[in-house]
Every structure is written in structure tokens, then in C-alpha cells.
Amino acid sequence: MAAWLMAVYFKGMTTAEREELVKAMIDSGERLDFSHLPGYVADKHSTGGVGDKVSLILAPLVAACGVFVPMISGRGLGHTGGTLDKLESIPGFTTALDLPTFKKVVAEVGACLIGQTEEICPADRKIYALRDVTATVSSIPLICGSIMSKKIAEGISGLVLDVKVGNGAFMTTVEEARALADTLVATGKAFGVDTVARLTNMDQPLGHAAGIWCEVREALDVLEGGGPDDLRELTLTLSADILRLARVHEPEETAAKALSGGQAREKFDEIVAAQGGDVKAMAQAGLHAPAVTVPLVAPSSGYLAAIDTYQAGLSVITAGGGRRQAGDSIDPTAGFILQAKVGDRLETGDEIGRTFGADAQKVEAAAKQLTAALTLAPEPVEPLRLLLG
């Protein structure tokens, strides 16, 4: 298998070969069936970035609009965070549900978020571990096989893909990202799944928060009608894409109303309760309060010209809020808030955010790492465009 992975890495795959790979990976386990549900069944997948907590908002939002969302998510590894780790910072919340319970929650609540089970695409888990040690992770056919086999095995009718582009993404150029997006969309359609992809900017963190509990808190801010503009815009865009696939009338307006009217926030609480989480505990001001907080200050005056988003993501690991390897434990209190965005005018000493966590030495190191990831320029800089294609 290692030799075959390396052959694919160097030689690529034809369309037919790629589809056979996806089929074989699906057939290695169980394929779910939600055709009995009285509505459209869809999911969203992101290729991973820093501060990307869209799934936490999108799942309850589209479920509140009548779409069923069986979401199988991942854990954070490397510089990107994982949806499962964030959800598990909610007291009592379990993502390790068996498939009968998963199906039951999807049917009764409208959405359920779990990790990959033994029954879903077991071949993918083994192949992925080999890809890591054979340096074949960045092969488009293999990325496509891993993503699409799991999503198609969920038994969905529609899929919206958020393909990240930039220095904080696995695809650093628009050309690479478009090639991956085209491959993913073609594969989804070949298996009868309505599939659309967005290319979105990861040259700066999404929203202001990156870490574990701080990202849940920011997602709740959006569900409660506030939150950062970019996070809100991207979530509403991807949600409307799903509603459009589901043939919902006026998808943009429907998504916006479910958010502003509080239905999405109520649905989030329903999901939390159905998966064993303590809804009341989420509202406690002291929940996951970090022991150590270090302010982030602008190192000089000027315009924020660039953020090394990869290094910003690694600073979360430095603070204790991420994994360098699969078995590492995570501090749910760790992460950062960065209020500044590319294009903002800063003055020397301005407080532009903070890093936090349980260990003073780690948090201090993370603050230095994050500050070093910021580039200032004397001349005005254009703000970044979020939606790239």
C-alpha cells in the first residue's frame, strides 16, 4: 500500500481510477441511508484553517431551516483546529456516538456531529496513517478519496465544500485550490451527490478567536446575533449554498432569518442536549477561564500588511490548544483572540488581542510567536477578500 500511495503521488490518477478508489473506500465499511427522512440531507466540509468554527454555526442553522445534517467531523492536527475538540469542551458533550444513536439524533433533532466511527470507511483510517509516514498527504487524488469517501458514506444528497486558499491552508494558491475543488465536485456528482465548492481566503485567521473553548464562545456570539463580520458572512454564504441545493425558497433570506430570529441558537442547544452536553454550563462566565492571559500589542505603527496564518495556527499549539501528533492532550482554555485584520491601521503599543491558557511559559511563548507572525507596512494595505471563487 505504501508503494501504491507513492505511485499515486508521483503519477496521479485518472478520473475513473479516482472514482474506483472512492467506491472501494466506501465499500470497506457501512454506507448510511437517510432516504426515509422527510427532507433534504446535506453536509459541509472544510479543508481546514485557523479559527474556522463555521461547522458549529452552520449545522444548527441549516437544521433550523429544515435540512437534515449528519456531520462526521475530525480532530485538530497540526496548525488547524478540529470541530470535535471544540465541541468536547462543552461539559458532557460526546462525539463518540454509535451509528444507531447518530441516526436517531439526526432524525429527531435535525443535526448530529460525531467523529469517524469504526464502521465508516475503515480503509481511509489505515490509508491516512500511511500517507502521513510516506509523505503522500498532499496528493489531490488521495485527498479527494479521503474526503469524498467519508462524505458519500454519510448518505447525504448534497454537499458544500469550503476549500481554503492561502498561507494558513493546505492549498496555498488559487490554482491548487481550484484543481482540488474541481476534483472534489466532479467526484461528488459522479456518486449522485449535489456538490458545490467555494474557494475562501485563509491568508488570515477566520473571525478573531483561535483555540478550543474561545472558538465555541465566538460561534455562540454569531448564533446570538453578533460575532465577527467575516465569520458571519462565510457561514451565511455556505448555509445558503446548502439551502439552494435543498430547493429552499429565498435561501439567503431564509438563512439570515433563522440566525437573527434565534432559531439557529435554539437548535444548537437542542443538539448539545441530545449529545449529552450541559446547556446551562455553557452560559457560566467562568467556564474554561484561562489561568494565564498575555496581551498582544502592536510592535510598531503602520498598517497590518500580512499575517503568517500558519504560524498563528502553530501558536495555538504552543499555548497548549492543539496537537503536534495524534495522541497529544489539549488544554481547552488555550488559544488567542486577534482583533486586528489585514488592512487595519495600528499604533505602537495598541492592544490588538491576547493569548491565553493554563501554562504561563507556553502562553508567553505563544504570544511572541503570534506577534512575530504579523507584518506591518508604512503605506495603506487593501483588506483581504474573503470569497475568492
Protein backbone atom coordinates (compact mmCIF):
# COMPACT_ATOMS: atom_id res chain seq x y z
CA MET A 1 0.00 0.00 0.00
CA ALA A 2 2.87 2.41 0.78
CA ALA A 3 4.36 1.74 -2.68
CA TRP A 4 0.94 2.29 -4.30
CA LEU A 5 0.42 5.58 -2.42
CA MET A 6 3.80 6.83 -3.64
CA ALA A 7 2.95 5.79 -7.22
CA VAL A 8 -0.30 7.80 -6.98
CA TYR A 9 1.58 10.75 -5.50
CA PHE A 10 4.03 10.86 -8.45
CA LYS A 11 1.78 9.71 -11.31
CA GLY A 12 -1.68 10.96 -10.28
CA MET A 13 -4.91 9.09 -11.13
CA THR A 14 -7.38 9.19 -13.99
CA THR A 15 -10.98 10.15 -13.26
CA ALA A 16 -12.06 6.50 -13.48
CA GLU A 17 -9.28 5.37 -11.12
CA ARG A 18 -10.17 8.09 -8.60
CA GLU A 19 -13.83 7.05 -8.62
CA GLU A 20 -12.86 3.38 -8.15
CA LEU A 21 -10.73 4.39 -5.15
CA VAL A 22 -13.65 6.29 -3.56
CA LYS A 23 -16.00 3.35 -4.20
CA ALA A 24 -13.55 0.86 -2.68
CA MET A 25 -13.09 3.04 0.41
CA ILE A 26 -16.87 3.41 0.87
CA ASP A 27 -17.36 -0.34 0.38
CA SER A 28 -14.76 -1.10 3.08
CA GLY A 29 -17.43 -0.15 5.64
CA GLU A 30 -21.06 0.83 6.06
CA ARG A 31 -22.94 3.37 3.93
CA LEU A 32 -25.66 5.21 5.84
CA ASP A 33 -29.16 5.69 4.43
CA PHE A 34 -31.31 8.68 5.38
CA SER A 35 -33.76 8.35 2.49
CA HIS A 36 -36.62 7.76 4.98
CA LEU A 37 -36.29 11.28 6.42
CA PRO A 38 -38.91 13.87 5.39
CA GLY A 39 -36.44 16.40 3.99
CA TYR A 40 -33.17 17.08 2.23
CA VAL A 41 -29.98 15.62 3.77
CA ALA A 42 -26.74 17.60 3.38
CA ASP A 43 -23.36 18.33 4.91
CA LYS A 44 -20.49 20.79 4.64
CA HIS A 45 -16.76 20.10 4.63
CA SER A 46 -13.85 22.49 5.10
CA THR A 47 -10.30 21.65 4.03
CA GLY A 48 -9.12 23.22 7.30
CA GLY A 49 -7.86 26.55 8.52
CA VAL A 50 -7.13 28.71 11.56
CA GLY A 51 -10.15 29.97 13.51
CA ASP A 52 -12.55 28.01 11.29
CA LYS A 53 -15.55 27.33 13.54
CA VAL A 54 -18.17 27.53 10.75
CA SER A 55 -19.48 23.98 11.31
CA LEU A 56 -20.53 24.88 14.88
CA ILE A 57 -22.87 27.56 13.47
CA LEU A 58 -23.83 26.08 10.10
CA ALA A 59 -25.12 22.70 11.35
CA PRO A 60 -27.77 24.17 13.71
CA LEU A 61 -28.52 27.00 11.25
CA VAL A 62 -29.42 24.80 8.27
CA ALA A 63 -31.15 22.28 10.57
CA ALA A 64 -33.33 25.15 11.83
CA CYS A 65 -34.27 25.71 8.17
CA GLY A 66 -35.49 22.11 7.77
CA VAL A 67 -32.39 20.41 6.28
CA PHE A 68 -31.04 17.27 8.00
CA VAL A 69 -27.28 17.41 8.75
CA PRO A 70 -25.44 14.16 9.60
CA MET A 71 -21.95 15.62 10.15
CA ILE A 72 -18.93 13.37 10.66
CA SER A 73 -16.07 15.67 11.69
CA GLY A 74 -12.39 15.44 12.59
CA ARG A 75 -9.94 16.38 15.32
CA GLY A 76 -7.31 19.08 15.13
CA LEU A 77 -3.87 18.03 13.94
CA GLY A 78 -1.04 20.36 13.01
CA HIS A 79 -1.87 24.06 12.66
CA THR A 80 -5.63 23.55 12.00
CA GLY A 81 -8.26 23.07 14.70
CA GLY A 82 -10.82 20.24 14.85
CA THR A 83 -14.59 20.51 15.29
CA LEU A 84 -14.71 17.51 17.65
CA ASP A 85 -12.19 19.01 20.10
CA LYS A 86 -14.17 22.26 20.23
CA LEU A 87 -17.50 20.52 20.84
CA GLU A 88 -16.00 18.32 23.55
CA SER A 89 -15.05 21.45 25.53
CA ILE A 90 -18.79 21.76 26.25
CA PRO A 91 -19.28 19.87 29.58
CA GLY A 92 -20.79 16.42 28.96
CA PHE A 93 -20.86 16.71 25.16
CA THR A 94 -19.99 13.39 23.50
CA THR A 95 -18.98 12.95 19.87
CA ALA A 96 -18.43 9.19 20.28
CA LEU A 97 -21.99 8.07 19.47
CA ASP A 98 -22.73 4.71 17.87
CA LEU A 99 -24.40 4.77 14.44
CA PRO A 100 -27.95 3.89 15.66
CA THR A 101 -27.81 6.83 18.13
CA PHE A 102 -26.33 9.08 15.45
CA LYS A 103 -29.18 8.26 13.06
CA LYS A 104 -31.75 8.77 15.84
CA VAL A 105 -30.42 12.23 16.78
CA VAL A 106 -30.29 13.33 13.11
CA ALA A 107 -33.93 12.22 12.66
CA GLU A 108 -35.22 13.78 15.90
CA VAL A 109 -33.14 16.98 16.20
CA GLY A 110 -32.13 17.60 12.59
CA ALA A 111 -28.35 17.54 13.10
CA CYS A 112 -25.71 15.50 14.89
CA LEU A 113 -21.92 15.93 14.95
CA ILE A 114 -19.74 12.89 15.61
CA GLY A 115 -16.26 11.56 14.85
CA GLN A 116 -15.42 8.91 12.28
CA THR A 117 -16.62 5.51 13.53
CA GLU A 118 -15.15 2.04 13.01
CA GLU A 119 -17.98 1.30 10.56
CA ILE A 120 -17.49 4.29 8.20
CA CYS A 121 -14.68 3.95 5.62
CA PRO A 122 -12.25 1.94 7.82
CA ALA A 123 -9.86 1.75 4.85
CA ASP A 124 -9.50 5.54 4.96
CA ARG A 125 -8.20 5.48 8.53
CA LYS A 126 -5.48 2.95 7.67
CA ILE A 127 -4.53 4.65 4.41
CA TYR A 128 -4.42 8.09 6.05
CA ALA A 129 -1.96 6.86 8.69
CA LEU A 130 0.27 5.52 5.91
CA ARG A 131 0.02 8.75 3.93
CA ASP A 132 1.41 10.60 6.93
CA VAL A 133 4.55 8.46 7.16
CA THR A 134 5.11 8.14 3.38
CA ALA A 135 4.88 11.93 2.79
CA THR A 136 1.95 11.50 0.39
CA VAL A 137 -0.58 13.67 2.26
CA SER A 138 -0.64 16.47 -0.36
CA SER A 139 -1.77 14.33 -3.33
CA ILE A 140 -5.04 15.65 -4.81
CA PRO A 141 -6.44 12.19 -5.74
CA LEU A 142 -5.67 10.89 -2.23
CA ILE A 143 -7.13 13.99 -0.53
CA CYS A 144 -10.22 13.58 -2.71
CA GLY A 145 -10.53 9.87 -1.86
CA SER A 146 -10.31 10.55 1.87
CA ILE A 147 -12.77 13.46 1.96
CA MET A 148 -15.35 12.20 -0.53
CA SER A 149 -15.50 8.57 0.64
CA LYS A 150 -16.46 9.67 4.17
CA LYS A 151 -18.95 12.29 2.98
CA ILE A 152 -20.67 10.00 0.45
CA ALA A 153 -20.82 7.20 3.06
CA GLU A 154 -22.86 9.57 5.28
CA GLY A 155 -25.83 9.02 2.95
CA ILE A 156 -26.19 12.71 2.05
CA SER A 157 -27.89 14.17 -1.03
CA GLY A 158 -25.98 17.48 -1.01
CA LEU A 159 -22.50 18.66 -0.05
CA VAL A 160 -20.98 22.15 0.18
CA LEU A 161 -17.19 22.31 0.23
CA ASP A 162 -15.17 25.17 1.73
CA VAL A 163 -11.76 24.90 0.03
CA LYS A 164 -9.34 27.16 1.88
CA VAL A 165 -6.66 29.11 -0.01
CA GLY A 166 -3.64 30.93 1.40
CA ASN A 167 -0.72 30.78 3.82
CA GLY A 168 -2.87 29.17 6.53
CA ALA A 169 -4.31 26.49 4.21
CA PHE A 170 -3.07 23.21 2.76
CA MET A 171 -3.60 24.73 -0.71
CA THR A 172 -1.55 27.94 -0.82
CA THR A 173 -2.52 29.15 -4.33
CA VAL A 174 -5.89 29.69 -6.03
CA GLU A 175 -4.74 27.38 -8.86
CA GLU A 176 -4.05 24.47 -6.46
CA ALA A 177 -7.30 25.06 -4.60
CA ARG A 178 -9.33 25.23 -7.82
CA ALA A 179 -7.80 21.95 -9.02
CA LEU A 180 -8.76 20.28 -5.74
CA ALA A 181 -12.25 21.84 -5.75
CA ASP A 182 -12.90 20.70 -9.36
CA THR A 183 -11.83 17.16 -8.45
CA LEU A 184 -14.00 17.05 -5.32
CA VAL A 185 -17.07 18.43 -7.12
CA ALA A 186 -16.68 16.02 -10.07
CA THR A 187 -16.36 13.07 -7.67
CA GLY A 188 -19.43 14.06 -5.66
CA LYS A 189 -21.53 14.40 -8.80
CA ALA A 190 -20.29 11.02 -10.10
CA PHE A 191 -21.78 9.43 -6.96
CA GLY A 192 -25.10 11.26 -7.27
CA VAL A 193 -24.40 13.88 -4.59
CA ASP A 194 -25.24 17.53 -5.43
CA THR A 195 -21.85 19.14 -4.81
CA VAL A 196 -20.67 22.77 -4.88
CA ALA A 197 -17.39 24.32 -3.72
CA ARG A 198 -16.32 27.75 -2.54
CA LEU A 199 -12.72 28.97 -2.55
CA THR A 200 -12.25 31.08 0.59
CA ASN A 201 -9.36 33.13 1.94
CA MET A 202 -7.06 31.72 4.64
CA ASP A 203 -4.38 34.43 4.50
CA GLN A 204 -5.61 35.50 7.95
CA PRO A 205 -7.50 33.68 10.73
CA LEU A 206 -11.27 33.45 10.30
CA GLY A 207 -13.04 35.54 12.93
CA HIS A 208 -10.98 36.72 15.90
CA ALA A 209 -10.66 33.57 18.06
CA ALA A 210 -8.47 30.51 17.50
CA GLY A 211 -8.22 27.69 20.03
CA ILE A 212 -10.79 25.47 21.70
CA TRP A 213 -13.40 26.97 24.03
CA CYS A 214 -12.75 30.51 22.73
CA GLU A 215 -13.92 29.33 19.27
CA VAL A 216 -17.11 27.81 20.72
CA ARG A 217 -17.74 31.11 22.50
CA GLU A 218 -17.26 33.06 19.25
CA ALA A 219 -19.59 30.66 17.41
CA LEU A 220 -22.21 31.31 20.11
CA ASP A 221 -21.70 35.06 19.62
CA VAL A 222 -22.67 34.64 15.95
CA LEU A 223 -25.63 32.40 16.86
CA GLU A 224 -26.74 35.15 19.25
CA GLY A 225 -26.69 37.82 16.53
CA GLY A 226 -23.17 39.23 16.96
CA GLY A 227 -19.69 37.94 16.23
CA PRO A 228 -17.08 38.93 13.63
CA ASP A 229 -18.30 40.05 10.19
CA ASP A 230 -16.14 37.61 8.17
CA LEU A 231 -17.24 34.57 10.17
CA ARG A 232 -20.88 35.58 9.90
CA GLU A 233 -20.58 36.26 6.14
CA LEU A 234 -18.92 32.93 5.36
CA THR A 235 -21.36 30.93 7.49
CA LEU A 236 -24.39 32.56 5.87
CA THR A 237 -22.91 32.06 2.38
CA LEU A 238 -22.23 28.34 2.88
CA SER A 239 -25.59 27.84 4.64
CA ALA A 240 -27.40 29.50 1.72
CA ASP A 241 -25.50 27.21 -0.67
CA ILE A 242 -26.91 24.18 1.17
CA LEU A 243 -30.43 25.64 1.24
CA ARG A 244 -30.16 26.34 -2.51
CA LEU A 245 -29.29 22.67 -3.13
CA ALA A 246 -32.30 21.74 -0.97
CA ARG A 247 -34.52 23.93 -3.22
CA VAL A 248 -35.44 26.19 -0.31
CA HIS A 249 -37.16 29.38 -1.48
CA GLU A 250 -35.02 32.52 -0.96
CA PRO A 251 -32.05 30.68 0.61
CA GLU A 252 -30.09 33.80 1.66
CA GLU A 253 -33.09 35.39 3.36
CA THR A 254 -34.12 32.11 5.00
CA ALA A 255 -30.63 31.57 6.48
CA ALA A 256 -30.39 35.18 7.70
CA LYS A 257 -33.82 35.00 9.37
CA ALA A 258 -33.01 31.72 11.17
CA LEU A 259 -29.87 33.38 12.54
CA SER A 260 -31.36 36.75 13.52
CA GLY A 261 -34.61 35.18 14.82
CA GLY A 262 -32.82 32.92 17.32
CA GLN A 263 -33.97 29.60 15.79
CA ALA A 264 -30.37 28.57 14.99
CA ARG A 265 -29.30 29.31 18.60
CA GLU A 266 -32.20 27.21 19.94
CA LYS A 267 -31.25 24.37 17.58
CA PHE A 268 -27.65 24.49 18.86
CA ASP A 269 -28.94 23.94 22.41
CA GLU A 270 -31.08 21.03 21.17
CA ILE A 271 -28.03 19.39 19.56
CA VAL A 272 -25.95 19.91 22.72
CA ALA A 273 -28.66 18.36 24.92
CA ALA A 274 -29.19 15.41 22.54
CA GLN A 275 -25.44 14.63 22.63
CA GLY A 276 -25.22 14.73 26.43
CA GLY A 277 -23.97 18.28 26.82
CA ASP A 278 -24.83 20.61 29.69
CA VAL A 279 -26.66 23.57 28.09
CA LYS A 280 -26.72 25.61 31.32
CA ALA A 281 -22.97 25.16 31.88
CA MET A 282 -22.24 26.87 28.54
CA ALA A 283 -23.64 30.13 29.93
CA GLN A 284 -21.39 30.17 33.01
CA ALA A 285 -19.00 33.13 32.82
CA GLY A 286 -16.16 31.21 34.45
CA LEU A 287 -16.30 28.13 32.22
CA HIS A 288 -12.78 27.35 30.89
CA ALA A 289 -11.49 30.69 32.19
CA PRO A 290 -7.74 30.64 31.39
CA ALA A 291 -5.29 30.81 34.29
CA VAL A 292 -2.88 32.98 32.29
CA THR A 293 -3.57 35.80 29.82
CA VAL A 294 -0.89 37.77 27.94
CA PRO A 295 -1.89 40.91 26.00
CA LEU A 296 -0.87 41.20 22.34
CA VAL A 297 0.42 44.66 21.44
CA ALA A 298 1.31 46.18 18.08
CA PRO A 299 5.13 46.07 17.82
CA SER A 300 5.23 49.28 15.75
CA SER A 301 2.99 51.79 13.97
CA GLY A 302 1.72 51.11 10.47
CA TYR A 303 -0.81 49.11 8.51
CA LEU A 304 -1.21 45.39 9.11
CA ALA A 305 0.05 44.14 5.73
CA ALA A 306 0.14 40.37 6.26
CA ILE A 307 -0.37 37.61 8.80
CA ASP A 308 1.58 34.35 8.65
CA THR A 309 -1.56 32.33 9.39
CA TYR A 310 0.33 29.03 9.53
CA GLN A 311 2.50 30.40 12.35
CA ALA A 312 -0.60 31.86 14.02
CA GLY A 313 -2.13 28.37 14.00
CA LEU A 314 1.06 26.87 15.44
CA SER A 315 0.92 29.45 18.25
CA VAL A 316 -2.31 27.78 19.43
CA ILE A 317 -0.37 24.50 19.76
CA THR A 318 2.42 26.35 21.60
CA ALA A 319 -0.18 27.69 24.07
CA GLY A 320 -1.47 24.11 24.63
CA GLY A 321 -4.61 24.25 22.45
CA GLY A 322 -3.57 21.86 19.68
CA ARG A 323 -1.77 18.64 18.78
CA ARG A 324 1.60 18.01 17.20
CA GLN A 325 0.74 14.31 16.99
CA ALA A 326 -2.48 12.31 17.32
CA GLY A 327 -2.14 11.28 21.00
CA ASP A 328 -1.38 14.73 22.44
CA SER A 329 -3.77 16.13 25.08
CA ILE A 330 -5.39 19.54 24.62
CA ASP A 331 -5.94 22.46 27.01
CA PRO A 332 -9.49 23.73 26.30
CA THR A 333 -8.66 27.13 27.82
CA ALA A 334 -5.77 27.80 25.38
CA GLY A 335 -5.80 29.95 22.25
CA PHE A 336 -5.76 33.55 21.13
CA ILE A 337 -8.01 36.47 20.24
CA LEU A 338 -6.66 38.70 17.45
CA GLN A 339 -8.86 41.74 16.82
CA ALA A 340 -6.72 43.20 14.01
CA LYS A 341 -7.32 42.29 10.35
CA VAL A 342 -5.11 42.85 7.31
CA GLY A 343 -5.53 46.50 6.24
CA ASP A 344 -6.09 47.86 9.77
CA ARG A 345 -4.08 50.88 10.96
CA LEU A 346 -2.14 50.13 14.18
CA GLU A 347 -0.16 52.33 16.55
CA THR A 348 2.82 51.19 18.62
CA GLY A 349 1.60 49.65 21.86
CA ASP A 350 -2.04 49.24 20.76
CA GLU A 351 -3.59 46.21 22.42
CA ILE A 352 -4.78 44.12 19.45
CA GLY A 353 -5.68 40.90 21.25
CA ARG A 354 -4.45 38.37 23.78
CA THR A 355 -3.13 34.83 24.13
CA PHE A 356 -4.22 32.60 26.98
CA GLY A 357 -4.04 29.13 28.52
CA ALA A 358 -3.11 27.19 31.63
CA ASP A 359 0.71 27.36 31.44
CA ALA A 360 2.44 30.76 31.76
CA GLN A 361 5.60 29.69 29.93
CA LYS A 362 3.62 28.26 26.99
CA VAL A 363 1.34 31.30 26.75
CA GLU A 364 4.30 33.74 26.79
CA ALA A 365 5.96 31.75 24.00
CA ALA A 366 2.71 31.70 22.02
CA ALA A 367 2.35 35.49 22.34
CA LYS A 368 5.86 36.00 20.92
CA GLN A 369 5.16 33.56 18.09
CA LEU A 370 1.90 35.27 17.17
CA THR A 371 3.40 38.76 17.31
CA ALA A 372 6.23 37.60 15.03
CA ALA A 373 3.60 36.38 12.53
CA LEU A 374 2.39 39.96 11.94
CA THR A 375 3.92 42.15 9.20
CA LEU A 376 3.35 45.92 9.29
CA ALA A 377 3.88 48.37 6.41
CA PRO A 378 4.01 52.19 6.31
CA GLU A 379 1.58 52.51 3.39
CA PRO A 380 -2.17 51.61 3.41
CA VAL A 381 -2.99 48.00 2.52
CA GLU A 382 -6.18 46.70 0.91
CA PRO A 383 -8.35 44.50 3.17
CA LEU A 384 -8.47 40.84 2.05
CA ARG A 385 -11.35 39.49 0.00
CA LEU A 386 -12.99 36.53 1.80
CA LEU A 387 -14.77 34.78 -1.09
CA LEU A 388 -12.32 34.00 -3.91
CA GLY A 389 -14.45 31.90 -6.28
